[in-house]
Amino acid sequence: MAIEGPDGKFRCRWPGTDPLYLAYHDAEWGVPEYESRALWEKLILDGFQAGLSWITILRKRDAFRAGFANFDPEQVARFSEADVARLLADPGIIRHRGKIEGTIKSAQAYLRISEREPFADFLWKRLDGRVLQNNFRTQGEVPTQTALSETIAKDLKKAGFTFCGPTIVYAFMEACGLVNDHLTGCFRHAECAALARDVRPAA
């Protein structure tokens, strides 16, 4: 069930009382994202989250952006071993060689996809261009992965992405509003639903 905050608004339970987490929940999480680069950034950050809490990544997001050229795929795709060493020495980010090298590979995969179609189209067409509007009342009803997230994860891996298993992909889908998993009692459920656009390709 959604819980009432000190401001009188009912929210999902997961942000707790952390001001940064609450601001993220209220302004970003679940908002449909249609911009390719922004989607790629969030997918990469969700990959870094693997084994950690999202609030840890959120607190380090500015350092990640600084270290990874503001998540410009064209720049990251050209990162060298010297860049990997630089990032491994950066205390502001998660210093995991596999994830850092995976980000470079994922940038290269993003560019290959972009030669055919925008990355946003690559993702949204798997939902027929429309947000999946869920209506969960309790956190216990919310899945950690679905058949769709498994399919998208397989497609991403086939394209050359790393750290994009079905659980990571589902968290990414929730965060970027491909699915609306705000609880029905949360004030953001209706607000995020109202932000959805139909981005099905023209027939």
N, C-alpha and C. Protein backbone atom coordinates (compact mmCIF):
# COMPACT_ATOMS: atom_id res chain seq x y z
N MET A 1 0.84 -1.20 0.00
CA MET A 1 0.00 0.00 0.00
C MET A 1 0.88 1.25 0.00
N ALA A 2 0.39 2.30 -0.62
CA ALA A 2 1.10 3.58 -0.57
C ALA A 2 1.04 4.12 0.86
N ILE A 3 2.04 4.89 1.21
CA ILE A 3 2.09 5.44 2.56
C ILE A 3 2.08 6.97 2.50
N GLU A 4 1.54 7.57 3.54
CA GLU A 4 1.43 9.03 3.59
C GLU A 4 2.74 9.64 4.08
N GLY A 5 3.22 10.63 3.36
CA GLY A 5 4.43 11.33 3.76
C GLY A 5 4.12 12.52 4.63
N PRO A 6 5.15 13.17 5.17
CA PRO A 6 4.94 14.33 6.03
C PRO A 6 4.26 15.50 5.32
N ASP A 7 4.28 15.49 3.99
CA ASP A 7 3.62 16.55 3.22
C ASP A 7 2.16 16.21 2.91
N GLY A 8 1.70 15.05 3.42
CA GLY A 8 0.31 14.66 3.20
C GLY A 8 0.07 13.89 1.91
N LYS A 9 1.12 13.70 1.09
CA LYS A 9 0.96 12.97 -0.16
C LYS A 9 1.24 11.48 0.07
N PHE A 10 0.48 10.65 -0.61
CA PHE A 10 0.67 9.20 -0.53
C PHE A 10 1.63 8.78 -1.64
N ARG A 11 2.61 7.95 -1.26
CA ARG A 11 3.66 7.53 -2.18
C ARG A 11 3.92 6.03 -2.07
N CYS A 12 4.65 5.53 -3.07
CA CYS A 12 5.22 4.19 -2.98
C CYS A 12 6.11 4.13 -1.74
N ARG A 13 6.27 2.95 -1.17
CA ARG A 13 7.04 2.84 0.08
C ARG A 13 8.55 2.92 -0.12
N TRP A 14 9.03 2.50 -1.31
CA TRP A 14 10.47 2.25 -1.45
C TRP A 14 11.39 3.45 -1.25
N PRO A 15 10.97 4.73 -1.49
CA PRO A 15 11.93 5.82 -1.25
C PRO A 15 12.19 6.10 0.23
N GLY A 16 11.33 5.57 1.10
CA GLY A 16 11.51 5.84 2.52
C GLY A 16 11.40 7.32 2.83
N THR A 17 12.37 7.83 3.59
CA THR A 17 12.36 9.24 3.98
C THR A 17 13.58 9.99 3.48
N ASP A 18 14.45 9.34 2.72
CA ASP A 18 15.66 9.99 2.21
C ASP A 18 15.26 11.10 1.23
N PRO A 19 15.66 12.35 1.47
CA PRO A 19 15.24 13.45 0.60
C PRO A 19 15.63 13.27 -0.87
N LEU A 20 16.83 12.74 -1.12
CA LEU A 20 17.27 12.52 -2.50
C LEU A 20 16.41 11.45 -3.18
N TYR A 21 16.12 10.39 -2.45
CA TYR A 21 15.29 9.30 -2.98
C TYR A 21 13.86 9.79 -3.23
N LEU A 22 13.34 10.58 -2.30
CA LEU A 22 11.98 11.11 -2.46
C LEU A 22 11.90 12.03 -3.68
N ALA A 23 12.91 12.87 -3.87
CA ALA A 23 12.91 13.77 -5.02
C ALA A 23 12.97 12.98 -6.32
N TYR A 24 13.77 11.90 -6.32
CA TYR A 24 13.86 11.04 -7.50
C TYR A 24 12.51 10.38 -7.78
N HIS A 25 11.88 9.85 -6.76
CA HIS A 25 10.57 9.23 -6.91
C HIS A 25 9.54 10.22 -7.44
N ASP A 26 9.56 11.43 -6.90
CA ASP A 26 8.52 12.41 -7.23
C ASP A 26 8.72 13.06 -8.60
N ALA A 27 9.96 13.12 -9.09
CA ALA A 27 10.22 13.87 -10.32
C ALA A 27 10.70 13.03 -11.50
N GLU A 28 11.32 11.88 -11.24
CA GLU A 28 11.95 11.12 -12.33
C GLU A 28 11.40 9.72 -12.54
N TRP A 29 11.29 8.95 -11.46
CA TRP A 29 10.98 7.53 -11.59
C TRP A 29 9.59 7.33 -12.19
N GLY A 30 9.54 6.57 -13.26
CA GLY A 30 8.25 6.28 -13.89
C GLY A 30 7.83 7.28 -14.95
N VAL A 31 8.60 8.35 -15.14
CA VAL A 31 8.27 9.31 -16.19
C VAL A 31 8.70 8.72 -17.53
N PRO A 32 7.79 8.61 -18.50
CA PRO A 32 8.16 8.01 -19.78
C PRO A 32 9.30 8.79 -20.46
N GLU A 33 10.37 8.07 -20.79
CA GLU A 33 11.55 8.67 -21.41
C GLU A 33 11.58 8.26 -22.89
N TYR A 34 11.66 9.26 -23.76
CA TYR A 34 11.63 9.00 -25.20
C TYR A 34 12.92 9.42 -25.89
N GLU A 35 13.92 9.88 -25.14
CA GLU A 35 15.16 10.36 -25.72
C GLU A 35 16.22 9.27 -25.64
N SER A 36 16.83 8.94 -26.76
CA SER A 36 17.71 7.78 -26.85
C SER A 36 18.88 7.84 -25.88
N ARG A 37 19.59 8.96 -25.85
CA ARG A 37 20.78 9.04 -24.99
C ARG A 37 20.42 8.90 -23.52
N ALA A 38 19.32 9.53 -23.11
CA ALA A 38 18.88 9.45 -21.72
C ALA A 38 18.52 8.02 -21.35
N LEU A 39 17.89 7.30 -22.28
CA LEU A 39 17.56 5.90 -22.02
C LEU A 39 18.84 5.07 -21.86
N TRP A 40 19.83 5.35 -22.71
CA TRP A 40 21.09 4.60 -22.62
C TRP A 40 21.77 4.87 -21.29
N GLU A 41 21.81 6.12 -20.86
CA GLU A 41 22.43 6.47 -19.57
C GLU A 41 21.79 5.69 -18.44
N LYS A 42 20.47 5.66 -18.41
CA LYS A 42 19.78 4.99 -17.31
C LYS A 42 20.02 3.48 -17.37
N LEU A 43 20.07 2.91 -18.55
CA LEU A 43 20.34 1.48 -18.65
C LEU A 43 21.73 1.15 -18.12
N ILE A 44 22.70 2.00 -18.44
CA ILE A 44 24.06 1.79 -17.95
C ILE A 44 24.11 1.91 -16.43
N LEU A 45 23.46 2.92 -15.88
CA LEU A 45 23.47 3.10 -14.43
C LEU A 45 22.76 1.94 -13.73
N ASP A 46 21.70 1.42 -14.33
CA ASP A 46 21.04 0.26 -13.74
C ASP A 46 21.97 -0.95 -13.77
N GLY A 47 22.81 -1.05 -14.79
CA GLY A 47 23.79 -2.12 -14.82
C GLY A 47 24.81 -1.99 -13.70
N PHE A 48 25.23 -0.76 -13.41
CA PHE A 48 26.15 -0.53 -12.29
C PHE A 48 25.48 -0.83 -10.95
N GLN A 49 24.16 -0.72 -10.90
CA GLN A 49 23.44 -0.98 -9.66
C GLN A 49 23.48 -2.45 -9.26
N ALA A 50 23.67 -3.34 -10.21
CA ALA A 50 23.60 -4.78 -9.94
C ALA A 50 24.36 -5.14 -8.66
N GLY A 51 23.66 -5.71 -7.69
CA GLY A 51 24.26 -6.09 -6.42
C GLY A 51 24.29 -4.97 -5.40
N LEU A 52 23.81 -3.79 -5.78
CA LEU A 52 23.81 -2.63 -4.89
C LEU A 52 22.41 -2.02 -4.82
N SER A 53 22.25 -1.02 -3.97
CA SER A 53 20.97 -0.32 -3.91
C SER A 53 21.00 0.86 -4.87
N TRP A 54 19.83 1.24 -5.39
CA TRP A 54 19.77 2.34 -6.34
C TRP A 54 20.17 3.66 -5.70
N ILE A 55 19.89 3.84 -4.42
CA ILE A 55 20.26 5.11 -3.77
C ILE A 55 21.78 5.29 -3.80
N THR A 56 22.54 4.20 -3.76
CA THR A 56 24.00 4.29 -3.86
C THR A 56 24.40 4.88 -5.21
N ILE A 57 23.76 4.42 -6.28
CA ILE A 57 24.04 4.93 -7.62
C ILE A 57 23.57 6.38 -7.74
N LEU A 58 22.42 6.67 -7.17
CA LEU A 58 21.86 8.02 -7.26
C LEU A 58 22.80 9.04 -6.63
N ARG A 59 23.38 8.67 -5.52
CA ARG A 59 24.32 9.59 -4.84
C ARG A 59 25.60 9.80 -5.64
N LYS A 60 25.92 8.85 -6.50
CA LYS A 60 27.14 8.93 -7.29
C LYS A 60 26.88 9.36 -8.74
N ARG A 61 25.64 9.69 -9.07
CA ARG A 61 25.28 9.93 -10.47
C ARG A 61 26.08 11.07 -11.08
N ASP A 62 26.28 12.15 -10.36
CA ASP A 62 27.04 13.27 -10.92
C ASP A 62 28.48 12.86 -11.23
N ALA A 63 29.07 12.06 -10.33
CA ALA A 63 30.44 11.58 -10.57
C ALA A 63 30.48 10.64 -11.77
N PHE A 64 29.46 9.80 -11.92
CA PHE A 64 29.38 8.94 -13.10
C PHE A 64 29.31 9.78 -14.37
N ARG A 65 28.48 10.81 -14.35
CA ARG A 65 28.35 11.65 -15.54
C ARG A 65 29.66 12.32 -15.89
N ALA A 66 30.38 12.78 -14.87
CA ALA A 66 31.67 13.42 -15.11
C ALA A 66 32.68 12.41 -15.66
N GLY A 67 32.68 11.21 -15.12
CA GLY A 67 33.66 10.21 -15.53
C GLY A 67 33.39 9.62 -16.90
N PHE A 68 32.11 9.57 -17.28
CA PHE A 68 31.73 8.95 -18.55
C PHE A 68 31.25 9.98 -19.58
N ALA A 69 31.91 11.14 -19.60
CA ALA A 69 31.68 12.14 -20.65
C ALA A 69 30.19 12.47 -20.80
N ASN A 70 29.53 12.63 -19.65
CA ASN A 70 28.09 12.93 -19.63
C ASN A 70 27.28 11.88 -20.39
N PHE A 71 27.79 10.66 -20.38
CA PHE A 71 27.14 9.53 -21.05
C PHE A 71 26.84 9.83 -22.52
N ASP A 72 27.84 10.37 -23.18
CA ASP A 72 27.77 10.56 -24.63
C ASP A 72 28.29 9.26 -25.25
N PRO A 73 27.42 8.45 -25.87
CA PRO A 73 27.86 7.15 -26.38
C PRO A 73 29.00 7.23 -27.37
N GLU A 74 29.03 8.29 -28.20
CA GLU A 74 30.09 8.40 -29.19
C GLU A 74 31.45 8.57 -28.53
N GLN A 75 31.49 9.33 -27.43
CA GLN A 75 32.75 9.49 -26.71
C GLN A 75 33.12 8.23 -25.94
N VAL A 76 32.15 7.67 -25.24
CA VAL A 76 32.43 6.48 -24.42
C VAL A 76 32.87 5.30 -25.29
N ALA A 77 32.31 5.19 -26.49
CA ALA A 77 32.68 4.09 -27.38
C ALA A 77 34.16 4.12 -27.74
N ARG A 78 34.78 5.29 -27.63
CA ARG A 78 36.19 5.43 -27.98
C ARG A 78 37.11 5.39 -26.75
N PHE A 79 36.57 5.12 -25.59
CA PHE A 79 37.40 5.06 -24.39
C PHE A 79 38.48 4.00 -24.55
N SER A 80 39.66 4.30 -24.03
CA SER A 80 40.82 3.42 -24.13
C SER A 80 41.09 2.75 -22.79
N GLU A 81 42.12 1.93 -22.77
CA GLU A 81 42.54 1.31 -21.52
C GLU A 81 42.95 2.37 -20.50
N ALA A 82 43.48 3.50 -20.98
CA ALA A 82 43.83 4.60 -20.07
C ALA A 82 42.57 5.15 -19.40
N ASP A 83 41.48 5.22 -20.14
CA ASP A 83 40.22 5.68 -19.56
C ASP A 83 39.71 4.67 -18.52
N VAL A 84 39.87 3.40 -18.82
CA VAL A 84 39.46 2.38 -17.85
C VAL A 84 40.26 2.54 -16.57
N ALA A 85 41.57 2.74 -16.70
CA ALA A 85 42.42 2.92 -15.52
C ALA A 85 42.01 4.18 -14.75
N ARG A 86 41.70 5.24 -15.48
CA ARG A 86 41.25 6.49 -14.84
C ARG A 86 39.98 6.26 -14.03
N LEU A 87 39.04 5.53 -14.61
CA LEU A 87 37.78 5.28 -13.93
C LEU A 87 37.95 4.34 -12.74
N LEU A 88 38.84 3.38 -12.87
CA LEU A 88 39.11 2.46 -11.75
C LEU A 88 39.73 3.19 -10.57
N ALA A 89 40.34 4.34 -10.83
CA ALA A 89 40.95 5.13 -9.76
C ALA A 89 40.02 6.22 -9.24
N ASP A 90 38.81 6.29 -9.77
CA ASP A 90 37.87 7.36 -9.40
C ASP A 90 37.00 6.90 -8.23
N PRO A 91 37.20 7.46 -7.04
CA PRO A 91 36.42 7.02 -5.87
C PRO A 91 34.95 7.46 -5.92
N GLY A 92 34.62 8.33 -6.87
CA GLY A 92 33.26 8.84 -6.95
C GLY A 92 32.28 7.89 -7.60
N ILE A 93 32.80 6.83 -8.27
CA ILE A 93 31.92 5.89 -8.98
C ILE A 93 32.08 4.48 -8.39
N ILE A 94 31.36 3.53 -8.96
CA ILE A 94 31.55 2.13 -8.60
C ILE A 94 32.72 1.60 -9.42
N ARG A 95 33.80 1.26 -8.75
CA ARG A 95 35.03 0.87 -9.46
C ARG A 95 35.04 -0.64 -9.71
N HIS A 96 34.37 -1.02 -10.77
CA HIS A 96 34.22 -2.43 -11.15
C HIS A 96 34.66 -2.56 -12.60
N ARG A 97 35.80 -3.22 -12.81
CA ARG A 97 36.36 -3.26 -14.16
C ARG A 97 35.37 -3.84 -15.17
N GLY A 98 34.70 -4.92 -14.82
CA GLY A 98 33.78 -5.53 -15.76
C GLY A 98 32.66 -4.60 -16.18
N LYS A 99 32.14 -3.83 -15.23
CA LYS A 99 31.05 -2.90 -15.55
C LYS A 99 31.56 -1.70 -16.35
N ILE A 100 32.77 -1.25 -16.04
CA ILE A 100 33.35 -0.13 -16.79
C ILE A 100 33.62 -0.55 -18.24
N GLU A 101 34.27 -1.69 -18.41
CA GLU A 101 34.53 -2.18 -19.77
C GLU A 101 33.23 -2.52 -20.49
N GLY A 102 32.23 -3.01 -19.74
CA GLY A 102 30.94 -3.30 -20.32
C GLY A 102 30.24 -2.05 -20.82
N THR A 103 30.45 -0.93 -20.13
CA THR A 103 29.85 0.33 -20.57
C THR A 103 30.41 0.76 -21.92
N ILE A 104 31.70 0.54 -22.11
CA ILE A 104 32.32 0.88 -23.41
C ILE A 104 31.73 -0.01 -24.50
N LYS A 105 31.60 -1.30 -24.23
CA LYS A 105 31.00 -2.22 -25.20
C LYS A 105 29.55 -1.84 -25.49
N SER A 106 28.84 -1.43 -24.45
CA SER A 106 27.44 -1.05 -24.63
C SER A 106 27.31 0.24 -25.43
N ALA A 107 28.27 1.14 -25.29
CA ALA A 107 28.27 2.36 -26.11
C ALA A 107 28.47 2.00 -27.58
N GLN A 108 29.37 1.06 -27.82
CA GLN A 108 29.60 0.62 -29.20
C GLN A 108 28.35 -0.06 -29.76
N ALA A 109 27.66 -0.84 -28.93
CA ALA A 109 26.42 -1.50 -29.36
C ALA A 109 25.34 -0.46 -29.65
N TYR A 110 25.27 0.56 -28.80
CA TYR A 110 24.31 1.65 -29.00
C TYR A 110 24.52 2.31 -30.37
N LEU A 111 25.78 2.55 -30.72
CA LEU A 111 26.08 3.19 -32.00
C LEU A 111 25.71 2.29 -33.17
N ARG A 112 25.93 1.00 -33.02
CA ARG A 112 25.54 0.07 -34.10
C ARG A 112 24.03 0.07 -34.30
N ILE A 113 23.29 0.07 -33.21
CA ILE A 113 21.83 0.14 -33.31
C ILE A 113 21.40 1.44 -33.95
N SER A 114 22.06 2.53 -33.55
CA SER A 114 21.69 3.87 -34.04
C SER A 114 21.90 4.03 -35.54
N GLU A 115 22.74 3.20 -36.12
CA GLU A 115 22.91 3.24 -37.57
C GLU A 115 21.66 2.76 -38.28
N ARG A 116 20.85 1.95 -37.59
CA ARG A 116 19.62 1.40 -38.17
C ARG A 116 18.38 2.17 -37.74
N GLU A 117 18.36 2.54 -36.47
CA GLU A 117 17.18 3.18 -35.90
C GLU A 117 17.57 3.85 -34.59
N PRO A 118 16.82 4.85 -34.15
CA PRO A 118 17.10 5.44 -32.84
C PRO A 118 16.98 4.38 -31.74
N PHE A 119 17.84 4.47 -30.74
CA PHE A 119 17.80 3.51 -29.63
C PHE A 119 16.43 3.53 -28.95
N ALA A 120 15.82 4.71 -28.86
CA ALA A 120 14.49 4.81 -28.26
C ALA A 120 13.49 3.95 -29.04
N ASP A 121 13.56 3.97 -30.36
CA ASP A 121 12.66 3.16 -31.18
C ASP A 121 12.93 1.67 -30.97
N PHE A 122 14.20 1.32 -30.85
CA PHE A 122 14.60 -0.07 -30.60
C PHE A 122 13.90 -0.61 -29.36
N LEU A 123 13.77 0.23 -28.32
CA LEU A 123 13.13 -0.18 -27.08
C LEU A 123 11.61 -0.09 -27.14
N TRP A 124 11.11 1.08 -27.53
CA TRP A 124 9.67 1.33 -27.45
C TRP A 124 8.86 0.45 -28.40
N LYS A 125 9.44 0.04 -29.51
CA LYS A 125 8.66 -0.80 -30.43
C LYS A 125 8.34 -2.16 -29.80
N ARG A 126 9.10 -2.55 -28.79
CA ARG A 126 8.83 -3.82 -28.11
C ARG A 126 7.61 -3.72 -27.19
N LEU A 127 7.15 -2.51 -26.97
CA LEU A 127 5.90 -2.28 -26.23
C LEU A 127 4.83 -1.72 -27.15
N ASP A 128 5.04 -1.86 -28.44
CA ASP A 128 4.13 -1.30 -29.44
C ASP A 128 3.97 0.20 -29.26
N GLY A 129 5.03 0.85 -28.77
CA GLY A 129 5.04 2.31 -28.66
C GLY A 129 4.21 2.88 -27.54
N ARG A 130 3.73 2.03 -26.63
CA ARG A 130 2.85 2.54 -25.57
C ARG A 130 3.30 2.05 -24.20
N VAL A 131 3.15 2.91 -23.21
CA VAL A 131 3.49 2.55 -21.83
C VAL A 131 2.58 1.43 -21.35
N LEU A 132 3.17 0.45 -20.68
CA LEU A 132 2.38 -0.59 -20.04
C LEU A 132 1.89 -0.04 -18.70
N GLN A 133 0.61 0.24 -18.60
CA GLN A 133 0.04 0.84 -17.40
C GLN A 133 -0.40 -0.26 -16.44
N ASN A 134 0.39 -0.45 -15.40
CA ASN A 134 0.03 -1.44 -14.38
C ASN A 134 -0.82 -0.79 -13.29
N ASN A 135 -1.50 -1.60 -12.54
CA ASN A 135 -2.38 -1.10 -11.48
C ASN A 135 -2.19 -1.91 -10.21
N PHE A 136 -0.98 -1.87 -9.68
CA PHE A 136 -0.66 -2.61 -8.47
C PHE A 136 -0.99 -1.79 -7.23
N ARG A 137 -1.61 -2.43 -6.25
CA ARG A 137 -1.96 -1.75 -5.00
C ARG A 137 -0.85 -1.87 -3.97
N THR A 138 -0.14 -3.00 -3.96
CA THR A 138 0.89 -3.25 -2.97
C THR A 138 2.22 -3.56 -3.65
N GLN A 139 3.31 -3.31 -2.93
CA GLN A 139 4.64 -3.57 -3.48
C GLN A 139 4.84 -5.05 -3.76
N GLY A 140 4.17 -5.89 -2.98
CA GLY A 140 4.30 -7.33 -3.17
C GLY A 140 3.77 -7.82 -4.50
N GLU A 141 2.88 -7.05 -5.12
CA GLU A 141 2.33 -7.44 -6.42
C GLU A 141 3.29 -7.11 -7.57
N VAL A 142 4.24 -6.23 -7.34
CA VAL A 142 5.11 -5.74 -8.41
C VAL A 142 6.17 -6.79 -8.74
N PRO A 143 6.28 -7.21 -9.99
CA PRO A 143 7.27 -8.23 -10.34
C PRO A 143 8.68 -7.65 -10.37
N THR A 144 9.66 -8.54 -10.31
CA THR A 144 11.06 -8.12 -10.45
C THR A 144 11.54 -8.34 -11.88
N GLN A 145 10.82 -9.17 -12.62
CA GLN A 145 11.10 -9.35 -14.04
C GLN A 145 9.86 -9.94 -14.69
N THR A 146 9.78 -9.80 -15.99
CA THR A 146 8.61 -10.30 -16.73
C THR A 146 9.09 -10.96 -18.02
N ALA A 147 8.16 -11.58 -18.73
CA ALA A 147 8.50 -12.18 -20.02
C ALA A 147 9.02 -11.11 -20.98
N LEU A 148 8.44 -9.91 -20.90
CA LEU A 148 8.90 -8.82 -21.78
C LEU A 148 10.30 -8.38 -21.42
N SER A 149 10.60 -8.26 -20.12
CA SER A 149 11.97 -7.85 -19.75
C SER A 149 12.98 -8.92 -20.14
N GLU A 150 12.57 -10.19 -20.12
CA GLU A 150 13.46 -11.27 -20.58
C GLU A 150 13.74 -11.12 -22.07
N THR A 151 12.70 -10.81 -22.84
CA THR A 151 12.87 -10.64 -24.28
C THR A 151 13.79 -9.47 -24.60
N ILE A 152 13.54 -8.33 -23.93
CA ILE A 152 14.37 -7.13 -24.17
C ILE A 152 15.81 -7.41 -23.75
N ALA A 153 16.00 -8.11 -22.61
CA ALA A 153 17.35 -8.43 -22.15
C ALA A 153 18.08 -9.27 -23.19
N LYS A 154 17.39 -10.26 -23.77
CA LYS A 154 18.01 -11.10 -24.80
C LYS A 154 18.37 -10.27 -26.03
N ASP A 155 17.47 -9.37 -26.42
CA ASP A 155 17.73 -8.53 -27.59
C ASP A 155 18.92 -7.60 -27.36
N LEU A 156 19.02 -7.06 -26.15
CA LEU A 156 20.15 -6.18 -25.81
C LEU A 156 21.46 -6.95 -25.81
N LYS A 157 21.46 -8.13 -25.22
CA LYS A 157 22.67 -8.94 -25.18
C LYS A 157 23.10 -9.34 -26.59
N LYS A 158 22.12 -9.70 -27.40
CA LYS A 158 22.42 -10.05 -28.78
C LYS A 158 23.04 -8.88 -29.53
N ALA A 159 22.63 -7.66 -29.17
CA ALA A 159 23.17 -6.45 -29.81
C ALA A 159 24.55 -6.08 -29.29
N GLY A 160 24.97 -6.70 -28.17
CA GLY A 160 26.30 -6.43 -27.64
C GLY A 160 26.34 -5.75 -26.29
N PHE A 161 25.18 -5.55 -25.67
CA PHE A 161 25.14 -4.93 -24.35
C PHE A 161 25.55 -5.93 -23.27
N THR A 162 26.02 -5.41 -22.15
CA THR A 162 26.38 -6.24 -21.00
C THR A 162 25.62 -5.75 -19.77
N PHE A 163 25.62 -6.58 -18.73
CA PHE A 163 24.94 -6.24 -17.48
C PHE A 163 23.51 -5.77 -17.74
N CYS A 164 22.77 -6.59 -18.46
CA CYS A 164 21.39 -6.24 -18.82
C CYS A 164 20.50 -7.47 -18.75
N GLY A 165 20.57 -8.17 -17.60
CA GLY A 165 19.69 -9.32 -17.40
C GLY A 165 18.25 -8.87 -17.22
N PRO A 166 17.30 -9.80 -17.18
CA PRO A 166 15.88 -9.43 -17.12
C PRO A 166 15.47 -8.63 -15.90
N THR A 167 16.15 -8.85 -14.76
CA THR A 167 15.81 -8.07 -13.56
C THR A 167 16.30 -6.63 -13.70
N ILE A 168 17.52 -6.46 -14.19
CA ILE A 168 18.04 -5.11 -14.44
C ILE A 168 17.18 -4.40 -15.47
N VAL A 169 16.81 -5.10 -16.52
CA VAL A 169 15.99 -4.49 -17.57
C VAL A 169 14.62 -4.09 -17.03
N TYR A 170 14.04 -4.91 -16.16
CA TYR A 170 12.73 -4.52 -15.63
C TYR A 170 12.84 -3.28 -14.75
N ALA A 171 13.88 -3.20 -13.93
CA ALA A 171 14.09 -2.00 -13.11
C ALA A 171 14.27 -0.77 -14.01
N PHE A 172 14.98 -0.95 -15.10
CA PHE A 172 15.16 0.12 -16.08
C PHE A 172 13.82 0.52 -16.70
N MET A 173 13.00 -0.47 -17.05
CA MET A 173 11.70 -0.18 -17.64
C MET A 173 10.82 0.62 -16.68
N GLU A 174 10.88 0.27 -15.40
CA GLU A 174 10.11 1.00 -14.39
C GLU A 174 10.62 2.44 -14.26
N ALA A 175 11.94 2.57 -14.18
CA ALA A 175 12.53 3.90 -13.96
C ALA A 175 12.25 4.83 -15.12
N CYS A 176 12.30 4.30 -16.35
CA CYS A 176 12.13 5.13 -17.54
C CYS A 176 10.70 5.16 -18.05
N GLY A 177 9.78 4.64 -17.26
CA GLY A 177 8.38 4.77 -17.61
C GLY A 177 7.92 3.93 -18.78
N LEU A 178 8.68 2.91 -19.17
CA LEU A 178 8.15 1.99 -20.17
C LEU A 178 6.99 1.21 -19.56
N VAL A 179 7.07 1.00 -18.25
CA VAL A 179 5.94 0.49 -17.49
C VAL A 179 5.67 1.48 -16.35
N ASN A 180 4.42 1.61 -15.97
CA ASN A 180 4.05 2.48 -14.85
C ASN A 180 3.80 1.59 -13.64
N ASP A 181 4.80 1.51 -12.75
CA ASP A 181 4.69 0.67 -11.57
C ASP A 181 4.55 1.47 -10.28
N HIS A 182 4.22 2.76 -10.39
CA HIS A 182 3.80 3.45 -9.18
C HIS A 182 2.55 2.75 -8.66
N LEU A 183 2.45 2.56 -7.36
CA LEU A 183 1.26 1.95 -6.80
C LEU A 183 0.04 2.83 -7.07
N THR A 184 -1.11 2.21 -7.17
CA THR A 184 -2.32 2.98 -7.51
C THR A 184 -2.64 4.04 -6.46
N GLY A 185 -2.21 3.82 -5.23
CA GLY A 185 -2.46 4.81 -4.19
C GLY A 185 -1.45 5.93 -4.15
N CYS A 186 -0.40 5.84 -4.98
CA CYS A 186 0.65 6.86 -5.03
C CYS A 186 0.21 8.01 -5.93
N PHE A 187 0.47 9.23 -5.49
CA PHE A 187 0.03 10.38 -6.26
C PHE A 187 0.68 10.45 -7.64
N ARG A 188 1.81 9.77 -7.81
CA ARG A 188 2.51 9.82 -9.09
C ARG A 188 1.95 8.83 -10.11
N HIS A 189 1.14 7.90 -9.69
CA HIS A 189 0.60 6.91 -10.65
C HIS A 189 -0.17 7.61 -11.76
N ALA A 190 -1.12 8.43 -11.37
CA ALA A 190 -1.95 9.13 -12.37
C ALA A 190 -1.13 10.17 -13.12
N GLU A 191 -0.22 10.84 -12.43
CA GLU A 191 0.59 11.88 -13.09
C GLU A 191 1.47 11.28 -14.17
N CYS A 192 2.12 10.15 -13.88
CA CYS A 192 2.98 9.52 -14.88
C CYS A 192 2.15 8.94 -16.03
N ALA A 193 0.97 8.40 -15.71
CA ALA A 193 0.10 7.88 -16.75
C ALA A 193 -0.28 8.99 -17.74
N ALA A 194 -0.48 10.20 -17.22
CA ALA A 194 -0.88 11.31 -18.06
C ALA A 194 0.25 11.80 -18.97
N LEU A 195 1.48 11.44 -18.64
CA LEU A 195 2.64 11.87 -19.42
C LEU A 195 2.93 10.92 -20.60
N ALA A 196 2.27 9.79 -20.63
CA ALA A 196 2.54 8.79 -21.67
C ALA A 196 2.10 9.29 -23.04
N ARG A 197 2.91 8.97 -24.05
CA ARG A 197 2.58 9.29 -25.44
C ARG A 197 2.51 8.01 -26.25
N ASP A 198 1.79 8.04 -27.33
CA ASP A 198 1.75 6.91 -28.24
C ASP A 198 2.84 7.14 -29.29
N VAL A 199 3.87 6.31 -29.24
CA VAL A 199 4.99 6.50 -30.17
C VAL A 199 5.10 5.32 -31.13
N ARG A 200 3.95 4.73 -31.46
CA ARG A 200 3.96 3.66 -32.45
C ARG A 200 4.41 4.25 -33.79
N PRO A 201 5.24 3.51 -34.51
CA PRO A 201 5.67 4.02 -35.83
C PRO A 201 4.49 4.13 -36.78
N ALA A 202 4.56 5.09 -37.66
CA ALA A 202 3.48 5.28 -38.63
C ALA A 202 3.38 4.05 -39.53
N ALA A 203 2.15 3.71 -39.85
CA ALA A 203 1.93 2.52 -40.69
C ALA A 203 2.42 2.80 -42.11
